[in-house]
Amino acid sequence: MADAIPQSTHWRDSARNPRFFMIDFRAVFPVFLLLLHIRWWSFAVTVVAIFFFTMLERYGFTVVVFFRWLRAFLAGSRKVSAPWWKR
């Protein structure tokens, strides 16, 4: 009796990010919005979103890690232990 599930996949592949052709799955949402509301500005937003998520993936960031890095970058290297109103 042949198995109905192909054995070419492995459980370790479950951690990979899904893709829509060559586009990261996070950038597919703006593409669907573009298809629903076709305007030049929505096309520009879609291109910027695809570029943003492509650059994040190229440098090894996820969205959550990028925003944590951005928060740490904006906060600076000096960390105070007491708020300014208690100093």
C-alpha atoms as a PDB file:
ATOM      1  CA  MET A   1       0.000   0.000   0.000  1.00  0.00           C
ATOM      2  CA  ALA A   2       1.558   3.302  -1.093  1.00  0.00           C
ATOM      3  CA  ASP A   3       1.600   6.248   1.269  1.00  0.00           C
ATOM      4  CA  ALA A   4      -0.624   9.177   0.366  1.00  0.00           C
ATOM      5  CA  ILE A   5       1.893  11.679   1.797  1.00  0.00           C
ATOM      6  CA  PRO A   6       5.065  12.179  -0.230  1.00  0.00           C
ATOM      7  CA  GLN A   7       8.229  11.462   1.746  1.00  0.00           C
ATOM      8  CA  SER A   8      10.283  14.215   0.104  1.00  0.00           C
ATOM      9  CA  THR A   9       9.645  16.680   2.943  1.00  0.00           C
ATOM     10  CA  HIS A  10      11.010  16.565   6.439  1.00  0.00           C
ATOM     11  CA  TRP A  11       9.862  18.069   9.723  1.00  0.00           C
ATOM     12  CA  ARG A  12      12.967  20.290   9.785  1.00  0.00           C
ATOM     13  CA  ASP A  13      11.602  22.165   6.773  1.00  0.00           C
ATOM     14  CA  SER A  14       8.692  23.443   8.858  1.00  0.00           C
ATOM     15  CA  ALA A  15      10.814  26.310  10.238  1.00  0.00           C
ATOM     16  CA  ARG A  16      11.389  27.883   6.835  1.00  0.00           C
ATOM     17  CA  ASN A  17       9.476  31.010   5.928  1.00  0.00           C
ATOM     18  CA  PRO A  18       6.847  30.480   3.270  1.00  0.00           C
ATOM     19  CA  ARG A  19       7.216  32.250  -0.055  1.00  0.00           C
ATOM     20  CA  PHE A  20       4.905  33.367  -2.812  1.00  0.00           C
ATOM     21  CA  PHE A  21       7.110  32.654  -5.800  1.00  0.00           C
ATOM     22  CA  MET A  22      10.220  34.718  -4.911  1.00  0.00           C
ATOM     23  CA  ILE A  23       8.483  37.112  -2.496  1.00  0.00           C
ATOM     24  CA  ASP A  24       8.618  36.694   1.272  1.00  0.00           C
ATOM     25  CA  PHE A  25       5.233  35.834   2.783  1.00  0.00           C
ATOM     26  CA  ARG A  26       5.118  39.075   4.783  1.00  0.00           C
ATOM     27  CA  ALA A  27       5.210  41.114   1.567  1.00  0.00           C
ATOM     28  CA  VAL A  28       2.330  39.244  -0.026  1.00  0.00           C
ATOM     29  CA  PHE A  29      -0.279  41.176   1.983  1.00  0.00           C
ATOM     30  CA  PRO A  30       0.550  44.504   0.247  1.00  0.00           C
ATOM     31  CA  VAL A  31       0.428  42.682  -3.104  1.00  0.00           C
ATOM     32  CA  PHE A  32      -3.128  41.534  -2.360  1.00  0.00           C
ATOM     33  CA  LEU A  33      -4.030  45.071  -1.306  1.00  0.00           C
ATOM     34  CA  LEU A  34      -2.625  46.292  -4.611  1.00  0.00           C
ATOM     35  CA  LEU A  35      -4.785  43.822  -6.487  1.00  0.00           C
ATOM     36  CA  LEU A  36      -7.860  45.022  -4.610  1.00  0.00           C
ATOM     37  CA  HIS A  37      -7.110  48.748  -4.938  1.00  0.00           C
ATOM     38  CA  ILE A  38      -5.044  49.426  -8.058  1.00  0.00           C
ATOM     39  CA  ARG A  39      -3.610  52.929  -7.803  1.00  0.00           C
ATOM     40  CA  TRP A  40      -0.130  54.389  -8.259  1.00  0.00           C
ATOM     41  CA  TRP A  41       0.311  55.062  -4.551  1.00  0.00           C
ATOM     42  CA  SER A  42      -0.693  51.512  -3.625  1.00  0.00           C
ATOM     43  CA  PHE A  43       1.780  50.233  -6.219  1.00  0.00           C
ATOM     44  CA  ALA A  44       4.482  52.370  -4.597  1.00  0.00           C
ATOM     45  CA  VAL A  45       3.571  51.081  -1.121  1.00  0.00           C
ATOM     46  CA  THR A  46       3.755  47.507  -2.424  1.00  0.00           C
ATOM     47  CA  VAL A  47       7.174  48.032  -4.007  1.00  0.00           C
ATOM     48  CA  VAL A  48       8.509  49.665  -0.825  1.00  0.00           C
ATOM     49  CA  ALA A  49       7.127  46.825   1.326  1.00  0.00           C
ATOM     50  CA  ILE A  50       8.647  44.163  -0.910  1.00  0.00           C
ATOM     51  CA  PHE A  51      11.996  45.989  -0.864  1.00  0.00           C
ATOM     52  CA  PHE A  52      11.836  46.406   2.941  1.00  0.00           C
ATOM     53  CA  PHE A  53      11.125  42.729   3.616  1.00  0.00           C
ATOM     54  CA  THR A  54      13.720  41.647   1.053  1.00  0.00           C
ATOM     55  CA  MET A  55      16.387  43.745   2.773  1.00  0.00           C
ATOM     56  CA  LEU A  56      15.368  42.407   6.174  1.00  0.00           C
ATOM     57  CA  GLU A  57      15.743  38.860   4.904  1.00  0.00           C
ATOM     58  CA  ARG A  58      19.048  39.656   3.210  1.00  0.00           C
ATOM     59  CA  TYR A  59      20.555  40.901   6.475  1.00  0.00           C
ATOM     60  CA  GLY A  60      19.079  38.048   8.519  1.00  0.00           C
ATOM     61  CA  PHE A  61      16.473  40.008  10.469  1.00  0.00           C
ATOM     62  CA  THR A  62      12.905  39.136  11.227  1.00  0.00           C
ATOM     63  CA  VAL A  63      10.388  41.939  11.690  1.00  0.00           C
ATOM     64  CA  VAL A  64      10.392  41.570  15.496  1.00  0.00           C
ATOM     65  CA  VAL A  65      14.194  41.496  15.686  1.00  0.00           C
ATOM     66  CA  PHE A  66      14.447  44.526  13.404  1.00  0.00           C
ATOM     67  CA  PHE A  67      12.101  46.605  15.564  1.00  0.00           C
ATOM     68  CA  ARG A  68      13.998  45.572  18.708  1.00  0.00           C
ATOM     69  CA  TRP A  69      17.251  46.593  17.030  1.00  0.00           C
ATOM     70  CA  LEU A  70      15.678  49.891  15.925  1.00  0.00           C
ATOM     71  CA  ARG A  71      14.416  50.588  19.464  1.00  0.00           C
ATOM     72  CA  ALA A  72      17.875  49.881  20.919  1.00  0.00           C
ATOM     73  CA  PHE A  73      19.489  52.065  18.248  1.00  0.00           C
ATOM     74  CA  LEU A  74      17.142  54.988  18.934  1.00  0.00           C
ATOM     75  CA  ALA A  75      17.467  54.640  22.723  1.00  0.00           C
ATOM     76  CA  GLY A  76      21.232  54.923  22.568  1.00  0.00           C
ATOM     77  CA  SER A  77      23.958  53.276  24.584  1.00  0.00           C
ATOM     78  CA  ARG A  78      23.289  55.094  27.886  1.00  0.00           C
ATOM     79  CA  LYS A  79      20.792  53.236  30.051  1.00  0.00           C
ATOM     80  CA  VAL A  80      19.548  54.848  33.264  1.00  0.00           C
ATOM     81  CA  SER A  81      18.142  52.821  36.117  1.00  0.00           C
ATOM     82  CA  ALA A  82      15.786  55.498  37.486  1.00  0.00           C
ATOM     83  CA  PRO A  83      13.254  57.604  35.606  1.00  0.00           C
ATOM     84  CA  TRP A  84      13.973  61.286  35.165  1.00  0.00           C
ATOM     85  CA  TRP A  85      11.284  62.388  37.631  1.00  0.00           C
ATOM     86  CA  LYS A  86      12.878  60.408  40.498  1.00  0.00           C
ATOM     87  CA  ARG A  87      16.449  61.656  40.064  1.00  0.00           C
END
